[in-house]
N, C-alpha and C. Protein backbone atom coordinates (compact mmCIF):
# COMPACT_ATOMS: atom_id res chain seq x y z
N MET A 1 -24.41 68.03 -2.45
CA MET A 1 -24.04 67.21 -3.59
C MET A 1 -25.20 67.08 -4.57
N ALA A 2 -26.39 67.03 -4.05
CA ALA A 2 -27.56 66.90 -4.92
C ALA A 2 -27.78 68.16 -5.74
N LYS A 3 -27.43 69.31 -5.16
CA LYS A 3 -27.57 70.56 -5.91
C LYS A 3 -26.60 70.62 -7.07
N ILE A 4 -25.41 70.10 -6.86
CA ILE A 4 -24.41 70.10 -7.94
C ILE A 4 -24.86 69.17 -9.07
N LYS A 5 -25.36 67.99 -8.72
CA LYS A 5 -25.84 67.06 -9.74
C LYS A 5 -27.03 67.64 -10.50
N LEU A 6 -27.90 68.34 -9.78
CA LEU A 6 -29.04 68.97 -10.42
C LEU A 6 -28.58 70.09 -11.35
N TRP A 7 -27.58 70.84 -10.91
CA TRP A 7 -27.04 71.94 -11.71
C TRP A 7 -26.34 71.41 -12.96
N LEU A 8 -25.60 70.30 -12.80
CA LEU A 8 -24.89 69.71 -13.94
C LEU A 8 -25.82 69.02 -14.92
N ALA A 9 -27.03 68.74 -14.51
CA ALA A 9 -27.99 68.08 -15.40
C ALA A 9 -28.62 69.03 -16.40
N GLN A 10 -28.43 70.32 -16.20
CA GLN A 10 -29.00 71.29 -17.14
C GLN A 10 -28.17 71.30 -18.42
N PRO A 11 -28.84 71.36 -19.56
CA PRO A 11 -28.12 71.26 -20.84
C PRO A 11 -27.14 72.40 -21.09
N TRP A 12 -27.47 73.61 -20.69
CA TRP A 12 -26.57 74.73 -20.98
C TRP A 12 -25.31 74.65 -20.14
N VAL A 13 -25.40 74.07 -18.97
CA VAL A 13 -24.21 73.92 -18.11
C VAL A 13 -23.27 72.88 -18.71
N THR A 14 -23.80 71.76 -19.13
CA THR A 14 -22.96 70.73 -19.73
C THR A 14 -22.35 71.22 -21.04
N PHE A 15 -23.10 72.02 -21.80
CA PHE A 15 -22.56 72.56 -23.05
C PHE A 15 -21.37 73.48 -22.77
N ILE A 16 -21.49 74.36 -21.79
CA ILE A 16 -20.41 75.29 -21.48
C ILE A 16 -19.20 74.55 -20.91
N LEU A 17 -19.44 73.58 -20.05
CA LEU A 17 -18.32 72.84 -19.47
C LEU A 17 -17.60 71.99 -20.51
N ARG A 18 -18.35 71.35 -21.39
CA ARG A 18 -17.72 70.56 -22.45
C ARG A 18 -16.94 71.45 -23.41
N THR A 19 -17.51 72.60 -23.77
CA THR A 19 -16.82 73.52 -24.66
C THR A 19 -15.52 74.01 -24.03
N ALA A 20 -15.55 74.36 -22.76
CA ALA A 20 -14.34 74.80 -22.07
C ALA A 20 -13.31 73.68 -22.01
N PHE A 21 -13.76 72.47 -21.75
CA PHE A 21 -12.85 71.32 -21.70
C PHE A 21 -12.20 71.08 -23.06
N TYR A 22 -12.99 71.15 -24.14
CA TYR A 22 -12.44 70.93 -25.47
C TYR A 22 -11.46 72.03 -25.87
N PHE A 23 -11.73 73.28 -25.47
CA PHE A 23 -10.78 74.35 -25.74
C PHE A 23 -9.47 74.12 -25.00
N VAL A 24 -9.54 73.67 -23.77
CA VAL A 24 -8.31 73.40 -23.01
C VAL A 24 -7.52 72.29 -23.66
N VAL A 25 -8.18 71.22 -24.06
CA VAL A 25 -7.49 70.11 -24.72
C VAL A 25 -6.89 70.56 -26.05
N PHE A 26 -7.65 71.34 -26.81
CA PHE A 26 -7.16 71.81 -28.10
C PHE A 26 -5.93 72.68 -27.94
N PHE A 27 -5.96 73.63 -27.01
CA PHE A 27 -4.81 74.50 -26.83
C PHE A 27 -3.63 73.77 -26.22
N LEU A 28 -3.88 72.76 -25.41
CA LEU A 28 -2.79 71.94 -24.89
C LEU A 28 -2.12 71.16 -26.02
N LEU A 29 -2.90 70.58 -26.91
CA LEU A 29 -2.33 69.88 -28.05
C LEU A 29 -1.60 70.82 -28.99
N LEU A 30 -2.15 72.01 -29.19
CA LEU A 30 -1.48 73.00 -30.03
C LEU A 30 -0.15 73.42 -29.42
N TYR A 31 -0.12 73.60 -28.11
CA TYR A 31 1.12 73.97 -27.43
C TYR A 31 2.15 72.86 -27.53
N LEU A 32 1.72 71.62 -27.31
CA LEU A 32 2.66 70.50 -27.39
C LEU A 32 3.17 70.32 -28.82
N TYR A 33 2.33 70.55 -29.81
CA TYR A 33 2.75 70.42 -31.20
C TYR A 33 3.78 71.50 -31.55
N SER A 34 3.57 72.72 -31.09
CA SER A 34 4.52 73.78 -31.39
C SER A 34 5.80 73.61 -30.58
N TYR A 35 5.69 73.04 -29.39
CA TYR A 35 6.86 72.83 -28.54
C TYR A 35 7.76 71.72 -29.09
N SER A 36 7.19 70.77 -29.78
CA SER A 36 7.97 69.64 -30.27
C SER A 36 8.89 70.03 -31.42
N GLY A 37 8.63 71.14 -32.08
CA GLY A 37 9.52 71.61 -33.13
C GLY A 37 9.36 70.85 -34.42
N VAL A 38 8.17 70.44 -34.77
CA VAL A 38 7.95 69.69 -36.01
C VAL A 38 8.26 70.58 -37.22
N ASN A 39 7.90 71.83 -37.15
CA ASN A 39 8.13 72.73 -38.27
C ASN A 39 9.53 73.32 -38.29
N GLN A 40 10.33 73.03 -37.30
CA GLN A 40 11.68 73.58 -37.23
C GLN A 40 12.69 72.51 -37.60
N SER A 41 12.53 71.96 -38.77
CA SER A 41 13.43 70.89 -39.18
C SER A 41 14.80 71.45 -39.53
N LYS A 42 15.82 70.65 -39.27
CA LYS A 42 17.20 71.03 -39.57
C LYS A 42 17.50 70.72 -41.04
N PHE A 43 18.38 71.49 -41.60
CA PHE A 43 18.80 71.24 -42.97
C PHE A 43 19.82 70.11 -42.94
N ILE A 44 19.49 68.99 -43.58
CA ILE A 44 20.32 67.79 -43.45
C ILE A 44 21.61 67.93 -44.26
N TYR A 45 21.54 68.44 -45.47
CA TYR A 45 22.69 68.48 -46.36
C TYR A 45 23.41 69.82 -46.20
N ASN A 46 24.08 69.99 -45.09
CA ASN A 46 24.77 71.25 -44.84
C ASN A 46 25.98 71.43 -45.76
N GLU A 47 26.76 70.38 -45.94
CA GLU A 47 28.00 70.50 -46.70
C GLU A 47 27.92 69.65 -47.95
N PHE A 48 26.90 69.83 -48.69
CA PHE A 48 26.69 69.00 -49.87
C PHE A 48 27.23 69.71 -51.09
């Protein structure tokens, strides 16, 4: 456990892990935004 804490204390390790975490969160939000269909709005006045 001490080796892991020592390894995580290095700046380049925390930078890579944070960057990977932010990419995962970003792509998850992008996926959820595209899945929700915000840009696929229905035409309201069909028989106008």
